[in-house]
Amino acid sequence: MASQPIYKVIFHNGGQVYEVFARQIYQSDMWGFVEIEELVFGEKSQILVDPGEEKLKSEFSGVKRSYIPLQSIVRIDEVEKEGAARISDGGSAKIAPFPVMPKGATPSSADD
């Protein structure tokens, strides 16, 4: 029997870059979102505790499903096994979120 795939999802959230691992990921019925389910964190028996991963565990504790806006997604990879989930400062990121048109602006207003 084949093992269940694991996906590494990297996305922007509040000026930071999140890297999480999940077993389920798919296009949401809610337009413009990707759903991630069954978040995977490191082994509980590890001697070393990563404070970044612990912060993510507490932030996502009790979360059954998370909806991530498409424009926040940086990358999604199918990986062999999970790694350490982490949050990093987005200030030095070389990848910018996709630009979003300001509220009330229309594409034709630029032609005026």
PDB file of N, CA and C in Angstrom:
ATOM      1  N   MET A   1       0.832  -1.180   0.000  1.00  0.00           N
ATOM      2  CA  MET A   1       0.000   0.000   0.000  1.00  0.00           C
ATOM      3  C   MET A   1       0.883   1.252   0.000  1.00  0.00           C
ATOM      4  N   ALA A   2       0.583   2.194  -0.867  1.00  0.00           N
ATOM      5  CA  ALA A   2       1.357   3.430  -0.960  1.00  0.00           C
ATOM      6  C   ALA A   2       1.074   4.319   0.243  1.00  0.00           C
ATOM      7  N   SER A   3       2.120   4.996   0.697  1.00  0.00           N
ATOM      8  CA  SER A   3       1.913   5.900   1.822  1.00  0.00           C
ATOM      9  C   SER A   3       1.188   7.156   1.349  1.00  0.00           C
ATOM     10  N   GLN A   4       0.518   7.798   2.280  1.00  0.00           N
ATOM     11  CA  GLN A   4      -0.244   9.008   1.969  1.00  0.00           C
ATOM     12  C   GLN A   4       0.730  10.152   1.691  1.00  0.00           C
ATOM     13  N   PRO A   5       0.506  10.916   0.612  1.00  0.00           N
ATOM     14  CA  PRO A   5       1.449  12.012   0.295  1.00  0.00           C
ATOM     15  C   PRO A   5       1.434  13.109   1.356  1.00  0.00           C
ATOM     16  N   ILE A   6       2.559  13.805   1.442  1.00  0.00           N
ATOM     17  CA  ILE A   6       2.690  14.947   2.344  1.00  0.00           C
ATOM     18  C   ILE A   6       3.074  16.144   1.491  1.00  0.00           C
ATOM     19  N   TYR A   7       2.436  17.279   1.765  1.00  0.00           N
ATOM     20  CA  TYR A   7       2.677  18.491   0.995  1.00  0.00           C
ATOM     21  C   TYR A   7       3.296  19.565   1.889  1.00  0.00           C
ATOM     22  N   LYS A   8       4.307  20.242   1.350  1.00  0.00           N
ATOM     23  CA  LYS A   8       4.887  21.397   2.027  1.00  0.00           C
ATOM     24  C   LYS A   8       4.252  22.632   1.392  1.00  0.00           C
ATOM     25  N   VAL A   9       3.607  23.458   2.219  1.00  0.00           N
ATOM     26  CA  VAL A   9       2.916  24.648   1.737  1.00  0.00           C
ATOM     27  C   VAL A   9       3.617  25.865   2.328  1.00  0.00           C
ATOM     28  N   ILE A  10       4.054  26.767   1.450  1.00  0.00           N
ATOM     29  CA  ILE A  10       4.709  28.001   1.884  1.00  0.00           C
ATOM     30  C   ILE A  10       3.799  29.153   1.486  1.00  0.00           C
ATOM     31  N   PHE A  11       3.454  30.007   2.477  1.00  0.00           N
ATOM     32  CA  PHE A  11       2.554  31.114   2.191  1.00  0.00           C
ATOM     33  C   PHE A  11       2.869  32.318   3.076  1.00  0.00           C
ATOM     34  N   HIS A  12       2.431  33.486   2.600  1.00  0.00           N
ATOM     35  CA  HIS A  12       2.578  34.738   3.351  1.00  0.00           C
ATOM     36  C   HIS A  12       1.391  34.901   4.288  1.00  0.00           C
ATOM     37  N   ASN A  13       1.661  35.391   5.506  1.00  0.00           N
ATOM     38  CA  ASN A  13       0.598  35.665   6.456  1.00  0.00           C
ATOM     39  C   ASN A  13       1.086  36.740   7.424  1.00  0.00           C
ATOM     40  N   GLY A  14       0.469  37.905   7.371  1.00  0.00           N
ATOM     41  CA  GLY A  14       0.799  38.987   8.305  1.00  0.00           C
ATOM     42  C   GLY A  14       2.250  39.426   8.254  1.00  0.00           C
ATOM     43  N   GLY A  15       2.841  39.522   7.068  1.00  0.00           N
ATOM     44  CA  GLY A  15       4.218  39.973   6.941  1.00  0.00           C
ATOM     45  C   GLY A  15       5.255  38.904   7.225  1.00  0.00           C
ATOM     46  N   GLN A  16       4.808  37.674   7.474  1.00  0.00           N
ATOM     47  CA  GLN A  16       5.719  36.571   7.729  1.00  0.00           C
ATOM     48  C   GLN A  16       5.483  35.473   6.699  1.00  0.00           C
ATOM     49  N   VAL A  17       6.473  34.603   6.570  1.00  0.00           N
ATOM     50  CA  VAL A  17       6.362  33.474   5.656  1.00  0.00           C
ATOM     51  C   VAL A  17       6.193  32.209   6.495  1.00  0.00           C
ATOM     52  N   TYR A  18       5.085  31.500   6.267  1.00  0.00           N
ATOM     53  CA  TYR A  18       4.790  30.258   6.978  1.00  0.00           C
ATOM     54  C   TYR A  18       5.162  29.082   6.086  1.00  0.00           C
ATOM     55  N   GLU A  19       5.745  28.062   6.689  1.00  0.00           N
ATOM     56  CA  GLU A  19       6.041  26.819   5.989  1.00  0.00           C
ATOM     57  C   GLU A  19       5.437  25.695   6.829  1.00  0.00           C
ATOM     58  N   VAL A  20       4.392  25.058   6.305  1.00  0.00           N
ATOM     59  CA  VAL A  20       3.693  24.007   7.044  1.00  0.00           C
ATOM     60  C   VAL A  20       3.611  22.757   6.174  1.00  0.00           C
ATOM     61  N   PHE A  21       3.342  21.638   6.817  1.00  0.00           N
ATOM     62  CA  PHE A  21       3.200  20.359   6.128  1.00  0.00           C
ATOM     63  C   PHE A  21       1.797  19.830   6.368  1.00  0.00           C
ATOM     64  N   ALA A  22       1.174  19.311   5.298  1.00  0.00           N
ATOM     65  CA  ALA A  22      -0.205  18.833   5.401  1.00  0.00           C
ATOM     66  C   ALA A  22      -0.377  17.576   4.555  1.00  0.00           C
ATOM     67  N   ARG A  23      -1.338  16.766   4.947  1.00  0.00           N
ATOM     68  CA  ARG A  23      -1.637  15.539   4.187  1.00  0.00           C
ATOM     69  C   ARG A  23      -2.690  15.769   3.102  1.00  0.00           C
ATOM     70  N   GLN A  24      -3.528  16.762   3.263  1.00  0.00           N
ATOM     71  CA  GLN A  24      -4.594  17.051   2.292  1.00  0.00           C
ATOM     72  C   GLN A  24      -4.504  18.494   1.848  1.00  0.00           C
ATOM     73  N   ILE A  25      -4.585  18.722   0.550  1.00  0.00           N
ATOM     74  CA  ILE A  25      -4.606  20.081   0.018  1.00  0.00           C
ATOM     75  C   ILE A  25      -5.393  20.065  -1.280  1.00  0.00           C
ATOM     76  N   TYR A  26      -6.275  21.036  -1.434  1.00  0.00           N
ATOM     77  CA  TYR A  26      -7.097  21.077  -2.643  1.00  0.00           C
ATOM     78  C   TYR A  26      -7.727  22.447  -2.832  1.00  0.00           C
ATOM     79  N   GLN A  27      -8.200  22.674  -4.059  1.00  0.00           N
ATOM     80  CA  GLN A  27      -8.907  23.912  -4.413  1.00  0.00           C
ATOM     81  C   GLN A  27     -10.190  23.970  -3.598  1.00  0.00           C
ATOM     82  N   SER A  28     -10.452  25.094  -2.985  1.00  0.00           N
ATOM     83  CA  SER A  28     -11.629  25.259  -2.147  1.00  0.00           C
ATOM     84  C   SER A  28     -12.868  25.563  -2.994  1.00  0.00           C
ATOM     85  N   ASP A  29     -14.026  25.227  -2.477  1.00  0.00           N
ATOM     86  CA  ASP A  29     -15.286  25.638  -3.092  1.00  0.00           C
ATOM     87  C   ASP A  29     -15.486  27.144  -2.896  1.00  0.00           C
ATOM     88  N   MET A  30     -14.809  27.696  -1.895  1.00  0.00           N
ATOM     89  CA  MET A  30     -14.847  29.133  -1.652  1.00  0.00           C
ATOM     90  C   MET A  30     -13.843  29.756  -2.627  1.00  0.00           C
ATOM     91  N   TRP A  31     -14.324  30.529  -3.587  1.00  0.00           N
ATOM     92  CA  TRP A  31     -13.505  31.028  -4.684  1.00  0.00           C
ATOM     93  C   TRP A  31     -12.288  31.789  -4.182  1.00  0.00           C
ATOM     94  N   GLY A  32     -11.120  31.477  -4.755  1.00  0.00           N
ATOM     95  CA  GLY A  32      -9.897  32.196  -4.437  1.00  0.00           C
ATOM     96  C   GLY A  32      -9.109  31.641  -3.257  1.00  0.00           C
ATOM     97  N   PHE A  33      -9.469  30.453  -2.767  1.00  0.00           N
ATOM     98  CA  PHE A  33      -8.789  29.876  -1.616  1.00  0.00           C
ATOM     99  C   PHE A  33      -8.340  28.451  -1.894  1.00  0.00           C
ATOM    100  N   VAL A  34      -7.275  28.041  -1.210  1.00  0.00           N
ATOM    101  CA  VAL A  34      -6.814  26.660  -1.187  1.00  0.00           C
ATOM    102  C   VAL A  34      -7.065  26.154   0.220  1.00  0.00           C
ATOM    103  N   GLU A  35      -7.577  24.926   0.337  1.00  0.00           N
ATOM    104  CA  GLU A  35      -7.826  24.335   1.657  1.00  0.00           C
ATOM    105  C   GLU A  35      -6.691  23.393   2.007  1.00  0.00           C
ATOM    106  N   ILE A  36      -6.222  23.490   3.242  1.00  0.00           N
ATOM    107  CA  ILE A  36      -5.254  22.515   3.734  1.00  0.00           C
ATOM    108  C   ILE A  36      -5.828  21.858   4.984  1.00  0.00           C
ATOM    109  N   GLU A  37      -5.643  20.547   5.057  1.00  0.00           N
ATOM    110  CA  GLU A  37      -6.156  19.764   6.186  1.00  0.00           C
ATOM    111  C   GLU A  37      -5.065  18.831   6.686  1.00  0.00           C
ATOM    112  N   GLU A  38      -5.271  18.313   7.878  1.00  0.00           N
ATOM    113  CA  GLU A  38      -4.387  17.339   8.502  1.00  0.00           C
ATOM    114  C   GLU A  38      -2.946  17.844   8.528  1.00  0.00           C
ATOM    115  N   LEU A  39      -2.752  18.963   9.226  1.00  0.00           N
ATOM    116  CA  LEU A  39      -1.407  19.504   9.382  1.00  0.00           C
ATOM    117  C   LEU A  39      -0.519  18.504  10.108  1.00  0.00           C
ATOM    118  N   VAL A  40       0.727  18.414   9.681  1.00  0.00           N
ATOM    119  CA  VAL A  40       1.680  17.456  10.239  1.00  0.00           C
ATOM    120  C   VAL A  40       2.807  18.231  10.900  1.00  0.00           C
ATOM    121  N   PHE A  41       3.082  17.903  12.163  1.00  0.00           N
ATOM    122  CA  PHE A  41       4.186  18.514  12.887  1.00  0.00           C
ATOM    123  C   PHE A  41       5.169  17.419  13.275  1.00  0.00           C
ATOM    124  N   GLY A  42       6.371  17.811  13.706  1.00  0.00           N
ATOM    125  CA  GLY A  42       7.419  16.854  14.063  1.00  0.00           C
ATOM    126  C   GLY A  42       6.990  15.905  15.166  1.00  0.00           C
ATOM    127  N   GLU A  43       7.802  14.883  15.346  1.00  0.00           N
ATOM    128  CA  GLU A  43       7.540  13.872  16.368  1.00  0.00           C
ATOM    129  C   GLU A  43       7.469  14.484  17.757  1.00  0.00           C
ATOM    130  N   LYS A  44       6.522  14.032  18.561  1.00  0.00           N
ATOM    131  CA  LYS A  44       6.381  14.545  19.920  1.00  0.00           C
ATOM    132  C   LYS A  44       7.488  14.031  20.838  1.00  0.00           C
ATOM    133  N   SER A  45       8.186  12.976  20.415  1.00  0.00           N
ATOM    134  CA  SER A  45       9.215  12.383  21.260  1.00  0.00           C
ATOM    135  C   SER A  45      10.594  13.012  21.052  1.00  0.00           C
ATOM    136  N   GLN A  46      10.679  14.072  20.244  1.00  0.00           N
ATOM    137  CA  GLN A  46      11.966  14.707  20.007  1.00  0.00           C
ATOM    138  C   GLN A  46      12.509  15.327  21.287  1.00  0.00           C
ATOM    139  N   ILE A  47      13.811  15.232  21.446  1.00  0.00           N
ATOM    140  CA  ILE A  47      14.441  15.821  22.618  1.00  0.00           C
ATOM    141  C   ILE A  47      14.534  17.329  22.462  1.00  0.00           C
ATOM    142  N   LEU A  48      14.918  17.785  21.261  1.00  0.00           N
ATOM    143  CA  LEU A  48      14.999  19.219  20.999  1.00  0.00           C
ATOM    144  C   LEU A  48      13.636  19.770  20.637  1.00  0.00           C
ATOM    145  N   VAL A  49      13.307  20.909  21.190  1.00  0.00           N
ATOM    146  CA  VAL A  49      12.029  21.550  20.903  1.00  0.00           C
ATOM    147  C   VAL A  49      12.306  22.815  20.096  1.00  0.00           C
ATOM    148  N   ASP A  50      11.691  22.917  18.922  1.00  0.00           N
ATOM    149  CA  ASP A  50      11.852  24.086  18.065  1.00  0.00           C
ATOM    150  C   ASP A  50      10.771  25.092  18.446  1.00  0.00           C
ATOM    151  N   PRO A  51      11.153  26.271  18.965  1.00  0.00           N
ATOM    152  CA  PRO A  51      10.148  27.246  19.399  1.00  0.00           C
ATOM    153  C   PRO A  51       9.248  27.726  18.256  1.00  0.00           C
ATOM    154  N   GLY A  52       9.788  27.825  17.026  1.00  0.00           N
ATOM    155  CA  GLY A  52       8.973  28.235  15.873  1.00  0.00           C
ATOM    156  C   GLY A  52       7.895  27.222  15.570  1.00  0.00           C
ATOM    157  N   GLU A  53       8.270  25.951  15.626  1.00  0.00           N
ATOM    158  CA  GLU A  53       7.290  24.896  15.366  1.00  0.00           C
ATOM    159  C   GLU A  53       6.261  24.825  16.490  1.00  0.00           C
ATOM    160  N   GLU A  54       6.700  25.047  17.714  1.00  0.00           N
ATOM    161  CA  GLU A  54       5.766  25.054  18.846  1.00  0.00           C
ATOM    162  C   GLU A  54       4.760  26.190  18.711  1.00  0.00           C
ATOM    163  N   LYS A  55       5.218  27.344  18.214  1.00  0.00           N
ATOM    164  CA  LYS A  55       4.313  28.479  17.991  1.00  0.00           C
ATOM    165  C   LYS A  55       3.262  28.119  16.943  1.00  0.00           C
ATOM    166  N   LEU A  56       3.698  27.456  15.877  1.00  0.00           N
ATOM    167  CA  LEU A  56       2.749  27.027  14.839  1.00  0.00           C
ATOM    168  C   LEU A  56       1.771  25.986  15.384  1.00  0.00           C
ATOM    169  N   LYS A  57       2.277  25.045  16.172  1.00  0.00           N
ATOM    170  CA  LYS A  57       1.397  24.027  16.770  1.00  0.00           C
ATOM    171  C   LYS A  57       0.304  24.685  17.593  1.00  0.00           C
ATOM    172  N   SER A  58       0.677  25.669  18.406  1.00  0.00           N
ATOM    173  CA  SER A  58      -0.333  26.323  19.243  1.00  0.00           C
ATOM    174  C   SER A  58      -1.273  27.174  18.394  1.00  0.00           C
ATOM    175  N   GLU A  59      -0.742  27.828  17.341  1.00  0.00           N
ATOM    176  CA  GLU A  59      -1.593  28.649  16.474  1.00  0.00           C
ATOM    177  C   GLU A  59      -2.618  27.802  15.723  1.00  0.00           C
ATOM    178  N   PHE A  60      -2.226  26.602  15.317  1.00  0.00           N
ATOM    179  CA  PHE A  60      -3.121  25.742  14.545  1.00  0.00           C
ATOM    180  C   PHE A  60      -3.782  24.647  15.387  1.00  0.00           C
ATOM    181  N   SER A  61      -3.615  24.674  16.714  1.00  0.00           N
ATOM    182  CA  SER A  61      -4.258  23.650  17.539  1.00  0.00           C
ATOM    183  C   SER A  61      -5.782  23.816  17.446  1.00  0.00           C
ATOM    184  N   GLY A  62      -6.446  22.726  17.262  1.00  0.00           N
ATOM    185  CA  GLY A  62      -7.903  22.742  17.142  1.00  0.00           C
ATOM    186  C   GLY A  62      -8.407  23.138  15.770  1.00  0.00           C
ATOM    187  N   VAL A  63      -7.510  23.421  14.823  1.00  0.00           N
ATOM    188  CA  VAL A  63      -7.920  23.794  13.468  1.00  0.00           C
ATOM    189  C   VAL A  63      -8.114  22.522  12.649  1.00  0.00           C
ATOM    190  N   LYS A  64      -9.320  22.352  12.140  1.00  0.00           N
ATOM    191  CA  LYS A  64      -9.627  21.187  11.313  1.00  0.00           C
ATOM    192  C   LYS A  64      -9.199  21.431   9.871  1.00  0.00           C
ATOM    193  N   ARG A  65      -9.440  22.633   9.388  1.00  0.00           N
ATOM    194  CA  ARG A  65      -9.166  22.992   7.986  1.00  0.00           C
ATOM    195  C   ARG A  65      -8.795  24.451   7.950  1.00  0.00           C
ATOM    196  N   SER A  66      -7.809  24.783   7.122  1.00  0.00           N
ATOM    197  CA  SER A  66      -7.395  26.169   6.984  1.00  0.00           C
ATOM    198  C   SER A  66      -7.560  26.594   5.534  1.00  0.00           C
ATOM    199  N   TYR A  67      -8.088  27.792   5.335  1.00  0.00           N
ATOM    200  CA  TYR A  67      -8.298  28.343   3.995  1.00  0.00           C
ATOM    201  C   TYR A  67      -7.232  29.404   3.749  1.00  0.00           C
ATOM    202  N   ILE A  68      -6.394  29.176   2.754  1.00  0.00           N
ATOM    203  CA  ILE A  68      -5.301  30.085   2.435  1.00  0.00           C
ATOM    204  C   ILE A  68      -5.643  30.803   1.127  1.00  0.00           C
ATOM    205  N   PRO A  69      -5.615  32.142   1.092  1.00  0.00           N
ATOM    206  CA  PRO A  69      -5.898  32.863  -0.150  1.00  0.00           C
ATOM    207  C   PRO A  69      -4.862  32.509  -1.224  1.00  0.00           C
ATOM    208  N   LEU A  70      -5.324  32.321  -2.446  1.00  0.00           N
ATOM    209  CA  LEU A  70      -4.429  31.956  -3.545  1.00  0.00           C
ATOM    210  C   LEU A  70      -3.261  32.922  -3.682  1.00  0.00           C
ATOM    211  N   GLN A  71      -3.510  34.230  -3.535  1.00  0.00           N
ATOM    212  CA  GLN A  71      -2.442  35.200  -3.729  1.00  0.00           C
ATOM    213  C   GLN A  71      -1.400  35.159  -2.616  1.00  0.00           C
ATOM    214  N   SER A  72      -1.677  34.461  -1.516  1.00  0.00           N
ATOM    215  CA  SER A  72      -0.706  34.331  -0.433  1.00  0.00           C
ATOM    216  C   SER A  72       0.230  33.142  -0.613  1.00  0.00           C
ATOM    217  N   ILE A  73      -0.169  32.199  -1.459  1.00  0.00           N
ATOM    218  CA  ILE A  73       0.622  30.987  -1.667  1.00  0.00           C
ATOM    219  C   ILE A  73       1.889  31.331  -2.436  1.00  0.00           C
ATOM    220  N   VAL A  74       3.016  30.893  -1.906  1.00  0.00           N
ATOM    221  CA  VAL A  74       4.293  31.052  -2.588  1.00  0.00           C
ATOM    222  C   VAL A  74       4.612  29.783  -3.367  1.00  0.00           C
ATOM    223  N   ARG A  75       4.409  28.637  -2.707  1.00  0.00           N
ATOM    224  CA  ARG A  75       4.804  27.370  -3.327  1.00  0.00           C
ATOM    225  C   ARG A  75       4.140  26.203  -2.609  1.00  0.00           C
ATOM    226  N   ILE A  76       3.850  25.139  -3.372  1.00  0.00           N
ATOM    227  CA  ILE A  76       3.334  23.899  -2.811  1.00  0.00           C
ATOM    228  C   ILE A  76       4.158  22.765  -3.410  1.00  0.00           C
ATOM    229  N   ASP A  77       4.747  21.934  -2.557  1.00  0.00           N
ATOM    230  CA  ASP A  77       5.551  20.798  -2.998  1.00  0.00           C
ATOM    231  C   ASP A  77       5.016  19.516  -2.380  1.00  0.00           C
ATOM    232  N   GLU A  78       5.018  18.432  -3.156  1.00  0.00           N
ATOM    233  CA  GLU A  78       4.761  17.114  -2.590  1.00  0.00           C
ATOM    234  C   GLU A  78       6.119  16.569  -2.174  1.00  0.00           C
ATOM    235  N   VAL A  79       6.264  16.203  -0.905  1.00  0.00           N
ATOM    236  CA  VAL A  79       7.562  15.784  -0.367  1.00  0.00           C
ATOM    237  C   VAL A  79       7.508  14.346   0.128  1.00  0.00           C
ATOM    238  N   GLU A  80       8.680  13.755   0.317  1.00  0.00           N
ATOM    239  CA  GLU A  80       8.781  12.372   0.786  1.00  0.00           C
ATOM    240  C   GLU A  80       8.364  12.240   2.258  1.00  0.00           C
ATOM    241  N   LYS A  81       8.807  13.213   3.079  1.00  0.00           N
ATOM    242  CA  LYS A  81       8.448  13.183   4.502  1.00  0.00           C
ATOM    243  C   LYS A  81       8.396  14.605   5.023  1.00  0.00           C
ATOM    244  N   GLU A  82       7.726  14.785   6.147  1.00  0.00           N
ATOM    245  CA  GLU A  82       7.591  16.135   6.696  1.00  0.00           C
ATOM    246  C   GLU A  82       8.905  16.600   7.288  1.00  0.00           C
ATOM    247  N   GLY A  83       9.057  17.906   7.330  1.00  0.00           N
ATOM    248  CA  GLY A  83      10.210  18.538   7.964  1.00  0.00           C
ATOM    249  C   GLY A  83       9.691  19.385   9.109  1.00  0.00           C
ATOM    250  N   ALA A  84      10.511  20.307   9.528  1.00  0.00           N
ATOM    251  CA  ALA A  84      10.115  21.197  10.620  1.00  0.00           C
ATOM    252  C   ALA A  84       9.279  22.344  10.061  1.00  0.00           C
ATOM    253  N   ALA A  85       8.110  22.533  10.624  1.00  0.00           N
ATOM    254  CA  ALA A  85       7.274  23.678  10.260  1.00  0.00           C
ATOM    255  C   ALA A  85       7.937  24.918  10.842  1.00  0.00           C
ATOM    256  N   ARG A  86       7.823  26.054  10.131  1.00  0.00           N
ATOM    257  CA  ARG A  86       8.479  27.250  10.641  1.00  0.00           C
ATOM    258  C   ARG A  86       7.815  28.519  10.156  1.00  0.00           C
ATOM    259  N   ILE A  87       8.109  29.584  10.878  1.00  0.00           N
ATOM    260  CA  ILE A  87       7.680  30.934  10.511  1.00  0.00           C
ATOM    261  C   ILE A  87       8.952  31.743  10.368  1.00  0.00           C
ATOM    262  N   SER A  88       9.082  32.456   9.259  1.00  0.00           N
ATOM    263  CA  SER A  88      10.244  33.328   9.102  1.00  0.00           C
ATOM    264  C   SER A  88       9.776  34.731   8.766  1.00  0.00           C
ATOM    265  N   ASP A  89      10.651  35.681   9.011  1.00  0.00           N
ATOM    266  CA  ASP A  89      10.338  37.078   8.748  1.00  0.00           C
ATOM    267  C   ASP A  89      10.214  37.286   7.247  1.00  0.00           C
ATOM    268  N   GLY A  90       9.126  37.893   6.807  1.00  0.00           N
ATOM    269  CA  GLY A  90       8.898  38.125   5.393  1.00  0.00           C
ATOM    270  C   GLY A  90       9.611  39.329   4.855  1.00  0.00           C
ATOM    271  N   GLY A  91      10.243  40.117   5.706  1.00  0.00           N
ATOM    272  CA  GLY A  91      10.911  41.334   5.278  1.00  0.00           C
ATOM    273  C   GLY A  91      12.059  41.091   4.320  1.00  0.00           C
ATOM    274  N   SER A  92      12.761  39.964   4.484  1.00  0.00           N
ATOM    275  CA  SER A  92      13.892  39.676   3.616  1.00  0.00           C
ATOM    276  C   SER A  92      13.529  38.719   2.490  1.00  0.00           C
ATOM    277  N   ALA A  93      12.268  38.370   2.374  1.00  0.00           N
ATOM    278  CA  ALA A  93      11.846  37.431   1.333  1.00  0.00           C
ATOM    279  C   ALA A  93      12.032  38.049  -0.041  1.00  0.00           C
ATOM    280  N   LYS A  94      12.496  37.247  -0.981  1.00  0.00           N
ATOM    281  CA  LYS A  94      12.700  37.710  -2.340  1.00  0.00           C
ATOM    282  C   LYS A  94      11.432  37.536  -3.177  1.00  0.00           C
ATOM    283  N   ILE A  95      10.412  36.956  -2.598  1.00  0.00           N
ATOM    284  CA  ILE A  95       9.159  36.724  -3.301  1.00  0.00           C
ATOM    285  C   ILE A  95       8.105  37.634  -2.707  1.00  0.00           C
ATOM    286  N   ALA A  96       7.497  38.435  -3.545  1.00  0.00           N
ATOM    287  CA  ALA A  96       6.455  39.351  -3.090  1.00  0.00           C
ATOM    288  C   ALA A  96       5.093  38.735  -3.362  1.00  0.00           C
ATOM    289  N   PRO A  97       4.087  39.028  -2.527  1.00  0.00           N
ATOM    290  CA  PRO A  97       2.745  38.521  -2.812  1.00  0.00           C
ATOM    291  C   PRO A  97       2.220  39.132  -4.106  1.00  0.00           C
ATOM    292  N   PHE A  98       1.343  38.405  -4.766  1.00  0.00           N
ATOM    293  CA  PHE A  98       0.755  38.873  -6.019  1.00  0.00           C
ATOM    294  C   PHE A  98       0.006  40.168  -5.754  1.00  0.00           C
ATOM    295  N   PRO A  99       0.217  41.204  -6.589  1.00  0.00           N
ATOM    296  CA  PRO A  99      -0.466  42.482  -6.339  1.00  0.00           C
ATOM    297  C   PRO A  99      -1.979  42.355  -6.500  1.00  0.00           C
ATOM    298  N   VAL A 100      -2.689  43.032  -5.635  1.00  0.00           N
ATOM    299  CA  VAL A 100      -4.146  43.009  -5.656  1.00  0.00           C
ATOM    300  C   VAL A 100      -4.629  44.420  -5.973  1.00  0.00           C
ATOM    301  N   MET A 101      -5.646  44.513  -6.838  1.00  0.00           N
ATOM    302  CA  MET A 101      -6.185  45.807  -7.225  1.00  0.00           C
ATOM    303  C   MET A 101      -6.879  46.457  -6.024  1.00  0.00           C
ATOM    304  N   PRO A 102      -6.625  47.737  -5.777  1.00  0.00           N
ATOM    305  CA  PRO A 102      -7.275  48.424  -4.654  1.00  0.00           C
ATOM    306  C   PRO A 102      -8.793  48.380  -4.771  1.00  0.00           C
ATOM    307  N   LYS A 103      -9.452  48.390  -3.637  1.00  0.00           N
ATOM    308  CA  LYS A 103     -10.907  48.359  -3.603  1.00  0.00           C
ATOM    309  C   LYS A 103     -11.473  49.568  -4.350  1.00  0.00           C
ATOM    310  N   GLY A 104     -12.447  49.328  -5.200  1.00  0.00           N
ATOM    311  CA  GLY A 104     -13.102  50.406  -5.942  1.00  0.00           C
ATOM    312  C   GLY A 104     -12.437  50.695  -7.276  1.00  0.00           C
ATOM    313  N   ALA A 105     -11.213  50.199  -7.481  1.00  0.00           N
ATOM    314  CA  ALA A 105     -10.541  50.439  -8.760  1.00  0.00           C
ATOM    315  C   ALA A 105     -11.037  49.422  -9.787  1.00  0.00           C
ATOM    316  N   THR A 106     -11.114  49.847 -11.015  1.00  0.00           N
ATOM    317  CA  THR A 106     -11.505  48.941 -12.097  1.00  0.00           C
ATOM    318  C   THR A 106     -10.397  48.959 -13.151  1.00  0.00           C
ATOM    319  N   PRO A 107     -10.239  47.880 -13.889  1.00  0.00           N
ATOM    320  CA  PRO A 107      -9.200  47.853 -14.905  1.00  0.00           C
ATOM    321  C   PRO A 107      -9.357  48.970 -15.929  1.00  0.00           C
ATOM    322  N   SER A 108     -10.593  49.379 -16.223  1.00  0.00           N
ATOM    323  CA  SER A 108     -10.810  50.420 -17.223  1.00  0.00           C
ATOM    324  C   SER A 108     -10.476  51.815 -16.708  1.00  0.00           C
ATOM    325  N   SER A 109     -10.391  51.996 -15.366  1.00  0.00           N
ATOM    326  CA  SER A 109     -10.111  53.328 -14.814  1.00  0.00           C
ATOM    327  C   SER A 109      -8.693  53.783 -15.164  1.00  0.00           C
ATOM    328  N   ALA A 110      -7.781  52.847 -15.473  1.00  0.00           N
ATOM    329  CA  ALA A 110      -6.425  53.211 -15.858  1.00  0.00           C
ATOM    330  C   ALA A 110      -6.388  53.798 -17.272  1.00  0.00           C
ATOM    331  N   ASP A 111      -7.386  53.461 -18.091  1.00  0.00           N
ATOM    332  CA  ASP A 111      -7.438  53.951 -19.477  1.00  0.00           C
ATOM    333  C   ASP A 111      -7.981  55.364 -19.578  1.00  0.00           C
ATOM    334  N   ASP A 112      -8.600  55.865 -18.523  1.00  0.00           N
ATOM    335  CA  ASP A 112      -9.232  57.208 -18.573  1.00  0.00           C
ATOM    336  C   ASP A 112      -8.224  58.318 -18.628  1.00  0.00           C
TER     337      ASP A 112
END
